[in-house]
Protein backbone atom coordinates (compact mmCIF):
# COMPACT_ATOMS: atom_id res chain seq x y z
CA UNK A 1 2.74 -5.72 -37.38
CA UNK A 2 1.29 -4.76 -33.86
CA UNK A 3 -0.36 -7.94 -33.02
CA UNK A 4 3.07 -9.70 -33.75
CA UNK A 5 4.81 -7.38 -31.31
CA UNK A 6 1.82 -8.21 -28.62
CA UNK A 7 2.47 -11.66 -29.32
CA UNK A 8 6.27 -11.75 -29.33
CA UNK A 9 5.92 -9.40 -25.80
CA UNK A 10 3.16 -12.27 -24.39
CA UNK A 11 5.86 -14.99 -24.97
CA UNK A 12 8.85 -13.47 -23.28
CA UNK A 13 6.70 -12.53 -20.58
CA UNK A 14 5.55 -16.22 -20.32
CA UNK A 15 8.71 -18.04 -20.79
CA UNK A 16 10.08 -15.19 -18.24
CA UNK A 17 7.13 -16.23 -15.57
CA UNK A 18 8.46 -20.27 -15.96
CA UNK A 19 12.09 -19.54 -15.45
CA UNK A 20 10.77 -17.15 -12.69
CA UNK A 21 8.58 -19.62 -11.45
CA UNK A 22 11.41 -22.25 -10.80
CA UNK A 23 13.88 -19.68 -9.49
CA UNK A 24 12.06 -17.72 -6.94
CA UNK A 25 9.54 -20.70 -5.65
CA UNK A 26 12.73 -22.85 -4.98
CA UNK A 27 15.00 -20.40 -3.66
CA UNK A 28 17.16 -22.10 -1.15
CA UNK A 29 17.47 -20.28 2.33
CA UNK A 30 20.46 -17.70 2.29
CA UNK A 31 20.19 -17.45 -1.72
CA UNK A 32 20.63 -13.86 -2.54
CA UNK A 33 17.77 -13.88 -5.10
CA UNK A 34 15.48 -14.84 -2.43
CA UNK A 35 12.14 -12.79 -3.39
CA UNK A 36 11.42 -9.62 -1.72
CA UNK A 37 7.47 -9.40 -0.63
CA UNK A 38 6.74 -5.52 -0.41
CA UNK A 39 3.24 -5.46 1.55
CA UNK A 40 1.41 -2.20 1.56
CA UNK A 41 -0.79 -1.86 4.31
CA UNK A 42 -2.35 1.86 3.51
CA UNK A 43 -3.41 3.37 7.06
CA UNK A 44 -1.44 0.76 9.24
CA UNK A 45 -0.50 2.91 12.31
CA UNK A 46 2.00 1.62 15.72
CA UNK A 47 -0.24 3.48 18.18
CA UNK A 48 -3.13 1.13 17.21
CA UNK A 49 -1.27 -1.64 16.33
CA UNK A 50 0.94 -2.06 19.47
CA UNK A 51 -2.04 -2.31 22.47
CA UNK A 52 -3.74 -5.51 19.96
CA UNK A 53 0.10 -7.13 20.01
CA UNK A 54 0.45 -6.61 23.83
CA UNK A 55 -2.78 -8.60 24.05
CA UNK A 56 -1.69 -11.32 21.97
CA UNK A 57 -3.40 -10.07 18.74
CA UNK A 58 -1.72 -9.69 14.96
CA UNK A 59 0.73 -12.84 15.97
CA UNK A 60 2.03 -12.75 12.21
CA UNK A 61 2.80 -8.77 11.98
CA UNK A 62 4.65 -9.20 15.45
CA UNK A 63 6.71 -12.03 14.18
CA UNK A 64 8.19 -9.88 11.47
CA UNK A 65 8.61 -7.30 14.00
CA UNK A 66 10.45 -9.42 16.85
CA UNK A 67 12.34 -10.96 13.76
CA UNK A 68 13.38 -8.21 11.95
CA UNK A 69 13.84 -4.26 11.84
CA UNK A 70 10.72 -2.16 13.21
CA UNK A 71 9.81 1.16 13.97
CA UNK A 72 8.19 4.44 12.72
CA UNK A 73 8.26 5.74 8.86
CA UNK A 74 7.77 9.47 8.48
CA UNK A 75 5.06 10.55 6.12
CA UNK A 76 4.68 14.12 4.00
CA UNK A 77 1.86 16.72 4.16
CA UNK A 78 -0.58 16.28 3.06
CA UNK A 79 -0.93 12.65 3.77
CA UNK A 80 -2.85 11.27 0.72
CA UNK A 81 -2.51 7.94 -0.68
CA UNK A 82 -2.03 8.71 -3.96
CA UNK A 83 1.03 10.87 -4.00
CA UNK A 84 2.42 8.79 -0.76
CA UNK A 85 2.44 5.67 -2.66
CA UNK A 86 3.97 7.22 -5.58
CA UNK A 87 6.82 8.50 -3.25
CA UNK A 88 7.15 5.07 -1.71
CA UNK A 89 7.70 3.40 -5.19
CA UNK A 90 9.95 6.04 -6.42
CA UNK A 91 12.03 7.18 -3.17
CA UNK A 92 11.46 11.15 -4.74
CA UNK A 93 9.18 14.15 -4.06
CA UNK A 94 5.80 14.91 -5.32
CA UNK A 95 7.05 17.63 -7.17
CA UNK A 96 9.83 15.51 -8.67
CA UNK A 97 7.18 12.22 -9.57
CA UNK A 98 4.42 14.16 -10.71
CA UNK A 99 1.68 12.83 -8.97
CA UNK A 100 0.80 15.68 -6.71
CA UNK A 101 -2.65 14.14 -5.27
CA UNK A 102 -5.74 12.04 -6.28
CA UNK A 103 -6.89 14.40 -8.84
CA UNK A 104 -5.46 16.72 -11.41
CA UNK A 105 -8.18 19.61 -12.01
CA UNK A 106 -8.68 21.07 -15.70
CA UNK A 107 -10.50 23.91 -16.10
CA UNK A 108 -13.49 22.88 -13.83
CA UNK A 109 -13.37 19.54 -14.65
CA UNK A 110 -11.79 17.18 -12.27
CA UNK A 111 -10.40 13.90 -13.38
CA UNK A 112 -8.21 11.00 -11.27
CA UNK A 113 -4.45 11.25 -11.77
CA UNK A 114 -3.27 8.11 -13.88
CA UNK A 115 -0.32 6.42 -13.74
CA UNK A 116 0.92 8.02 -17.21
CA UNK A 117 1.64 11.85 -15.01
CA UNK A 118 4.48 9.65 -13.11
CA UNK A 119 6.95 11.30 -14.64
CA UNK A 120 10.10 9.42 -13.19
CA UNK A 121 10.79 5.54 -12.60
CA UNK A 122 9.08 3.81 -9.72
CA UNK A 123 11.00 0.32 -8.48
CA UNK A 124 8.96 -1.98 -11.32
CA UNK A 125 10.86 0.34 -13.65
CA UNK A 126 13.77 0.11 -12.72
CA UNK A 127 14.03 -3.28 -11.94
CA UNK A 128 12.28 -4.40 -15.07
CA UNK A 129 15.16 -2.73 -16.92
CA UNK A 130 18.14 -4.63 -15.00
CA UNK A 131 15.57 -8.14 -16.25
CA UNK A 132 14.65 -8.59 -12.64
CA UNK A 133 11.15 -10.17 -12.19
CA UNK A 134 8.54 -7.74 -10.97
CA UNK A 135 4.92 -8.28 -9.89
CA UNK A 136 2.81 -5.30 -8.59
CA UNK A 137 -0.68 -5.63 -7.58
CA UNK A 138 -3.00 -2.57 -7.02
CA UNK A 139 -0.44 -0.13 -6.61
CA UNK A 140 -2.07 3.36 -6.18
CA UNK A 141 -2.14 5.14 -9.56
CA UNK A 142 -0.70 2.15 -11.48
CA UNK A 143 -3.67 2.78 -14.35
CA UNK A 144 -3.17 2.28 -16.96
CA UNK A 145 -0.75 -0.67 -16.23
CA UNK A 146 2.51 -0.09 -17.67
CA UNK A 147 4.95 -2.94 -19.69
CA UNK A 148 7.12 -4.96 -16.92
CA UNK A 149 9.30 -7.66 -16.80
CA UNK A 150 6.67 -9.33 -15.07
CA UNK A 151 2.93 -8.76 -14.03
CA UNK A 152 1.01 -5.15 -12.91
CA UNK A 153 -2.71 -5.18 -12.18
CA UNK A 154 -3.67 -1.99 -11.53
CA UNK A 155 -5.59 0.00 -8.77
CA UNK A 156 -8.79 0.02 -11.30
CA UNK A 157 -8.52 -4.04 -11.26
CA UNK A 158 -10.87 -3.64 -7.99
CA UNK A 159 -13.46 -1.34 -9.47
CA UNK A 160 -14.94 -4.76 -10.76
CA UNK A 161 -15.96 -2.72 -14.42
CA UNK A 162 -13.28 -3.94 -16.47
CA UNK A 163 -15.02 -6.21 -18.77
CA UNK A 164 -17.98 -3.93 -18.89
CA UNK A 165 -16.10 -0.85 -20.13
CA UNK A 166 -13.81 -3.15 -22.07
CA UNK A 167 -10.67 -1.58 -20.35
CA UNK A 168 -7.23 -3.06 -19.89
CA UNK A 169 -6.23 -3.28 -16.13
CA UNK A 170 -3.54 -5.97 -16.56
CA UNK A 171 -0.31 -6.39 -18.13
CA UNK A 172 -0.17 -8.46 -19.63
CA UNK A 173 -3.78 -8.06 -20.95
CA UNK A 174 -4.43 -11.84 -21.06
CA UNK A 175 -4.22 -11.86 -17.34
CA UNK A 176 -7.37 -9.97 -16.27
CA UNK A 177 -9.10 -13.34 -18.22
CA UNK A 178 -7.01 -15.53 -15.67
CA UNK A 179 -7.46 -13.32 -12.15
CA UNK A 180 -10.65 -13.74 -10.56
CA UNK A 181 -12.84 -11.51 -11.44
CA UNK A 182 -13.91 -8.89 -8.37
CA UNK A 183 -17.15 -10.46 -6.90
CA UNK A 184 -18.49 -7.34 -5.23
CA UNK A 185 -21.65 -7.53 -3.75
CA UNK A 186 -23.01 -7.34 -0.01
CA UNK A 187 -23.55 -10.64 0.37
CA UNK A 188 -20.01 -11.36 0.11
CA UNK A 189 -19.41 -8.73 2.60
CA UNK A 190 -22.03 -10.25 5.21
CA UNK A 191 -20.76 -13.66 4.84
CA UNK A 192 -16.94 -12.23 5.45
CA UNK A 193 -18.18 -9.76 8.16
CA UNK A 194 -18.92 -12.81 10.13
CA UNK A 195 -16.10 -14.67 9.47
CA UNK A 196 -13.65 -11.89 10.38
CA UNK A 197 -15.98 -10.56 13.15
CA UNK A 198 -16.59 -6.96 12.23
CA UNK A 199 -17.98 -4.97 14.33
CA UNK A 200 -21.76 -3.75 13.63
CA UNK A 201 -21.99 -0.66 11.43
CA UNK A 202 -24.92 2.11 12.44
CA UNK A 203 -25.25 5.39 11.99
CA UNK A 204 -24.19 7.07 14.96
CA UNK A 205 -25.89 10.66 14.17
CA UNK A 206 -29.40 8.88 13.73
CA UNK A 207 -30.77 11.98 12.76
CA UNK A 208 -31.82 11.94 9.19
CA UNK A 209 -28.58 14.30 7.93
CA UNK A 210 -26.91 12.68 5.02
CA UNK A 211 -22.72 12.75 6.11
CA UNK A 212 -19.53 11.91 4.37
CA UNK A 213 -19.81 9.07 7.06
CA UNK A 214 -23.30 7.91 6.05
CA UNK A 215 -21.84 7.62 2.77
CA UNK A 216 -18.85 5.62 3.76
CA UNK A 217 -20.62 3.48 5.92
CA UNK A 218 -23.15 2.86 2.87
CA UNK A 219 -20.42 2.42 0.95
CA UNK A 220 -18.07 0.43 3.19
CA UNK A 221 -19.26 -3.26 2.03
CA UNK A 222 -18.33 -2.54 -1.34
CA UNK A 223 -14.75 -1.48 -0.23
CA UNK A 224 -14.37 -4.75 1.94
CA UNK A 225 -15.07 -6.68 -1.37
CA UNK A 226 -12.39 -4.68 -3.30
CA UNK A 227 -10.01 -5.62 -1.18
CA UNK A 228 -10.71 -8.87 -0.69
CA UNK A 229 -10.53 -9.05 -4.26
CA UNK A 230 -7.39 -7.76 -4.46
CA UNK A 231 -6.15 -10.29 -2.09
CA UNK A 232 -7.53 -13.13 -4.48
CA UNK A 233 -5.68 -11.70 -7.54
CA UNK A 234 -2.47 -11.47 -5.17
CA UNK A 235 -2.83 -15.03 -4.53
CA UNK A 236 -3.26 -15.73 -8.42
CA UNK A 237 -0.34 -13.58 -9.04
CA UNK A 238 2.28 -15.42 -6.40
CA UNK A 239 1.30 -18.78 -7.23
CA UNK A 240 1.34 -18.31 -11.17
CA UNK A 241 3.91 -15.44 -11.46
CA UNK A 242 6.68 -15.42 -8.68
CA UNK A 243 9.16 -12.80 -9.07
CA UNK A 244 12.10 -11.60 -7.57
CA UNK A 245 9.96 -8.55 -6.22
CA UNK A 246 6.15 -8.89 -5.06
CA UNK A 247 4.79 -5.49 -4.23
CA UNK A 248 0.63 -5.14 -3.07
CA UNK A 249 -1.24 -2.44 -1.58
CA UNK A 250 -3.90 -3.18 0.91
CA UNK A 251 -6.59 0.09 1.29
CA UNK A 252 -8.82 -1.57 3.99
CA UNK A 253 -7.16 -0.75 7.11
CA UNK A 254 -7.10 2.90 6.04
CA UNK A 255 -10.57 3.06 4.87
CA UNK A 256 -11.76 1.55 8.18
CA UNK A 257 -9.62 4.25 10.10
CA UNK A 258 -11.68 6.98 8.70
CA UNK A 259 -15.04 6.11 10.34
CA UNK A 260 -14.64 3.06 12.55
CA UNK A 261 -13.40 5.96 15.40
CA UNK A 262 -17.04 7.40 15.17
CA UNK A 263 -17.85 3.34 17.31
CA UNK A 264 -15.43 5.01 20.22
CA UNK A 265 -17.88 5.71 23.31
CA UNK A 266 -19.15 9.43 22.40
CA UNK A 267 -18.46 10.25 25.98
CA UNK A 268 -14.58 9.47 25.83
CA UNK A 269 -14.83 11.43 22.48
CA UNK A 270 -16.36 14.45 23.94
CA UNK A 271 -14.01 14.34 26.74
CA UNK A 272 -10.74 14.16 24.26
CA UNK A 273 -12.31 17.06 22.46
CA UNK A 274 -12.81 19.23 25.48
CA UNK A 275 -9.44 18.64 26.65
CA UNK A 276 -7.72 19.45 23.49
CA UNK A 277 -9.67 23.08 23.34
CA UNK A 278 -8.55 23.57 26.94
CA UNK A 279 -5.33 22.67 25.64
CA UNK A 280 -4.83 20.32 28.61
CA UNK A 281 -5.02 16.54 26.80
CA UNK A 282 -2.09 14.76 27.69
CA UNK A 283 0.22 12.28 25.93
CA UNK A 284 -1.41 9.61 28.54
CA UNK A 285 -5.27 10.84 27.28
CA UNK A 286 -4.62 10.29 23.86
CA UNK A 287 -2.70 6.51 24.65
CA UNK A 288 -5.81 5.77 26.39
CA UNK A 289 -8.15 6.83 23.56
CA UNK A 290 -5.73 4.88 21.04
CA UNK A 291 -6.48 1.57 23.12
CA UNK A 292 -10.46 2.51 23.05
CA UNK A 293 -9.82 2.93 19.30
CA UNK A 294 -7.79 -0.46 18.92
CA UNK A 295 -10.56 -2.36 20.78
CA UNK A 296 -13.05 -1.19 18.14
CA UNK A 297 -10.90 -1.76 14.63
CA UNK A 298 -8.85 -4.89 16.03
CA UNK A 299 -10.74 -6.98 13.54
CA UNK A 300 -9.81 -5.29 10.36
CA UNK A 301 -6.16 -5.10 11.42
CA UNK A 302 -6.31 -8.89 12.49
CA UNK A 303 -7.76 -9.76 8.91
CA UNK A 304 -4.58 -7.71 7.33
CA UNK A 305 -2.63 -9.59 9.36
CA UNK A 306 -4.33 -12.96 8.47
CA UNK A 307 -3.15 -11.89 4.88
CA UNK A 308 0.09 -10.97 5.58
CA UNK A 309 0.64 -14.66 7.21
CA UNK A 310 -0.71 -16.38 4.57
CA UNK A 311 1.99 -14.48 2.39
CA UNK A 312 4.69 -14.88 4.73
CA UNK A 313 3.83 -19.03 5.05
CA UNK A 314 3.83 -19.61 1.68
CA UNK A 315 7.16 -17.76 0.33
CA UNK A 316 10.21 -19.78 -0.25
CA UNK A 317 12.76 -20.08 2.65
CA UNK A 318 14.88 -17.14 2.93
CA UNK A 319 12.41 -14.62 1.51
CA UNK A 320 12.69 -11.02 2.70
CA UNK A 321 9.17 -9.31 4.08
CA UNK A 322 8.89 -5.53 3.88
CA UNK A 323 5.76 -4.17 5.57
CA UNK A 324 5.12 -0.35 5.22
CA UNK A 325 2.16 2.36 5.43
CA UNK A 326 2.08 5.72 4.08
CA UNK A 327 0.93 7.49 7.13
CA UNK A 328 -0.84 6.56 9.83
CA UNK A 329 -4.19 7.37 12.27
CA UNK A 330 -3.96 9.99 15.27
CA UNK A 331 -6.54 12.04 17.23
CA UNK A 332 -6.26 15.40 16.00
CA UNK A 333 -8.64 18.20 17.31
CA UNK A 334 -12.22 16.07 17.35
CA UNK A 335 -11.26 13.06 15.45
CA UNK A 336 -8.90 10.76 14.59
CA UNK A 337 -7.80 11.78 11.10
CA UNK A 338 -4.26 11.98 9.05
CA UNK A 339 -4.81 14.88 6.85
CA UNK A 340 -5.24 17.71 9.13
CA UNK A 341 -2.07 17.43 11.17
CA UNK A 342 0.83 19.67 9.88
CA UNK A 343 3.33 16.82 10.46
CA UNK A 344 0.93 13.77 9.78
CA UNK A 345 1.14 10.33 11.90
CA UNK A 346 3.73 8.22 11.06
CA UNK A 347 3.30 4.74 9.01
CA UNK A 348 4.48 1.78 10.07
CA UNK A 349 8.31 0.43 8.99
CA UNK A 350 9.24 -3.28 9.19
CA UNK A 351 12.05 -5.34 7.63
CA UNK A 352 12.26 -8.80 7.87
CA UNK A 353 14.37 -11.75 7.20
CA UNK A 354 17.27 -11.96 4.49
CA UNK A 355 19.98 -9.50 5.32
CA UNK A 356 18.20 -7.55 8.17
CA UNK A 357 18.80 -7.55 11.69
CA UNK A 358 17.10 -9.48 14.48
CA UNK A 359 14.66 -7.50 16.77
CA UNK A 360 16.04 -4.04 16.26
CA UNK A 361 14.04 -0.74 16.11
CA UNK A 362 14.84 1.81 13.70
CA UNK A 363 14.52 5.72 13.81
CA UNK A 364 14.22 8.21 11.18
CA UNK A 365 13.07 6.37 8.49
CA UNK A 366 10.94 8.00 5.83
CA UNK A 367 8.90 7.16 3.25
CA UNK A 368 11.46 8.59 0.55
CA UNK A 369 13.84 5.65 2.05
CA UNK A 370 11.75 2.35 1.00
CA UNK A 371 12.95 2.11 -2.73
CA UNK A 372 16.50 3.14 -2.17
CA UNK A 373 16.60 0.30 0.54
CA UNK A 374 14.84 -2.21 -1.35
CA UNK A 375 17.51 -1.46 -4.16
CA UNK A 376 20.69 -1.59 -1.85
CA UNK A 377 19.13 -5.02 -0.58
CA UNK A 378 18.94 -6.10 -4.52
CA UNK A 379 22.80 -5.17 -4.95
CA UNK A 380 21.64 -2.61 -6.90
CA UNK A 381 22.95 1.47 -6.94
CA UNK A 382 21.10 4.07 -5.42
CA UNK A 383 20.78 6.93 -7.34
CA UNK A 384 22.08 10.60 -6.19
CA UNK A 385 18.64 12.40 -6.92
CA UNK A 386 16.73 9.91 -5.09
CA UNK A 387 15.02 11.76 -1.91
CA UNK A 388 15.75 9.12 0.29
CA UNK A 389 18.45 7.37 1.28
CA UNK A 390 18.76 3.02 1.79
CA UNK A 391 18.74 2.42 5.59
CA UNK A 392 22.02 0.86 5.95
CA UNK A 393 21.65 0.38 9.73
CA UNK A 394 18.91 -2.12 9.44
CA UNK A 395 21.26 -4.23 7.49
CA UNK A 396 23.33 -7.07 9.30
CA UNK A 397 27.11 -5.86 9.40
CA UNK A 398 28.32 -8.64 7.45
CA UNK A 399 25.92 -8.00 3.94
CA UNK A 400 27.11 -4.42 4.61
CA UNK A 401 30.72 -5.22 4.54
CA UNK A 402 30.42 -7.68 1.36
CA UNK A 403 27.90 -5.00 -0.41
CA UNK A 404 29.48 -1.52 -0.45
CA UNK A 405 26.90 1.11 -1.38
CA UNK A 406 26.89 1.58 -5.12
CA UNK A 407 25.64 5.02 -6.56
CA UNK A 408 24.82 6.14 -9.82
CA UNK A 409 23.61 10.03 -10.78
CA UNK A 410 20.22 8.80 -11.76
CA UNK A 411 18.05 5.70 -12.91
CA UNK A 412 16.34 8.58 -15.29
CA UNK A 413 17.98 7.60 -18.82
CA UNK A 414 15.86 8.05 -22.11
CA UNK A 415 13.46 11.20 -22.75
CA UNK A 416 11.84 12.80 -19.90
CA UNK A 417 8.30 12.45 -19.81
CA UNK A 418 6.59 16.30 -19.98
CA UNK A 419 3.37 17.94 -20.44
CA UNK A 420 0.86 14.75 -20.12
CA UNK A 421 -2.61 14.86 -19.07
CA UNK A 422 -5.01 12.32 -17.27
CA UNK A 423 -5.97 9.70 -18.95
CA UNK A 424 -9.85 9.29 -19.28
CA UNK A 425 -12.15 6.23 -18.61
CA UNK A 426 -15.57 5.22 -18.05
CA UNK A 427 -14.83 4.31 -14.19
CA UNK A 428 -13.62 8.18 -13.19
CA UNK A 429 -16.93 9.13 -11.51
CA UNK A 430 -16.55 5.63 -9.30
CA UNK A 431 -13.04 6.78 -8.44
CA UNK A 432 -14.05 10.65 -7.96
CA UNK A 433 -17.39 9.33 -5.52
CA UNK A 434 -15.05 6.88 -3.70
CA UNK A 435 -13.22 10.44 -2.78
CA UNK A 436 -15.80 12.02 -2.06
CA UNK A 437 -16.91 9.51 0.56
CA UNK A 438 -13.92 9.26 1.97
CA UNK A 439 -13.64 13.06 2.44
CA UNK A 440 -10.79 13.45 0.50
CA UNK A 441 -12.69 15.74 -1.86
CA UNK A 442 -15.34 18.18 -1.01
CA UNK A 443 -18.24 18.70 -2.95
């Protein structure tokens, strides 16, 4: 019986995918059914992007910014990606959605947070229930993958261990045999290092100590290959499973920002540290330091910009592009960070194409507003129990007039999810080591 149901679900998914292919691949300009591309650039920060854009870098992000609505996106404390991206996907606080951090502690055991701990619906659940095709790739805390009206590539795919440990990392499960298997090795990293002109990595301490920086430095080629594999999986999904909404998260900007700041000239870092101690650090000082950091990390942002350009160029006419980050990076006390500030550095927000206004700045947007805004764009009701709001002032007036805001009390129908425990897997240890290397977990 179970095999029959699985086969039926697969046939439904494939037939829906074929229908979606023709509907969304060939959507004419101005079609209300044209697809939405939600592109997550974890850790992207305007204070670093703006100097690059001024110098003619990041042409694709600049074009989206100039042709749409853009501004800072307020984050939340503590600025840890697992709960921030879950908030972006649900429009709700961590207290409501249940993903409090990267990990869950059970006695003396620490286990990575898993998707079954989420107590509320994400945008992919809401859209699936309404029969709207959706594709999701590498969103934080999406393992184990959920049944959706489309496809999901969970965030454990990027580890490249699923064949070895025989675990499902996609929905439907057969998709894992169709998307490219992650190529994670030093040879690939070095090859692409040259292609994208990444800076030379070296131990800035050079004193024999094994620091968190050293661990991140050693792991960086793996992180690079993981994100490159996410892009390869995204290309397959975009080509073979076009959907009304495509959502993806890339990590490489965040990972690089965690330790590339160490390559800012030491004298400039030391000067900023002393001024911070003396309480004489000015906005002009911070701006100059941002410009120094931008010089170092520009190749990584250019790589992210190239990916955005690939997505935009392959999209049907009339598509909408929503580019977001969960937080930014800013100099604080002694280093660039996003976790020690009580008010985390804001992320970025770009809304471009479709019903959005052109060349406008927006203020007051938060990570809680992304899902409500997307639902409004898709002409779906916005729930009263969202902690965010639709960014109505981002839309053209004619769209607002034709599409009055509809409201429902909640999207949370059906039995409530309570008492869930994280699901253990054979990739937990690697996930924990990843978080240690980036400084999110202390030994």
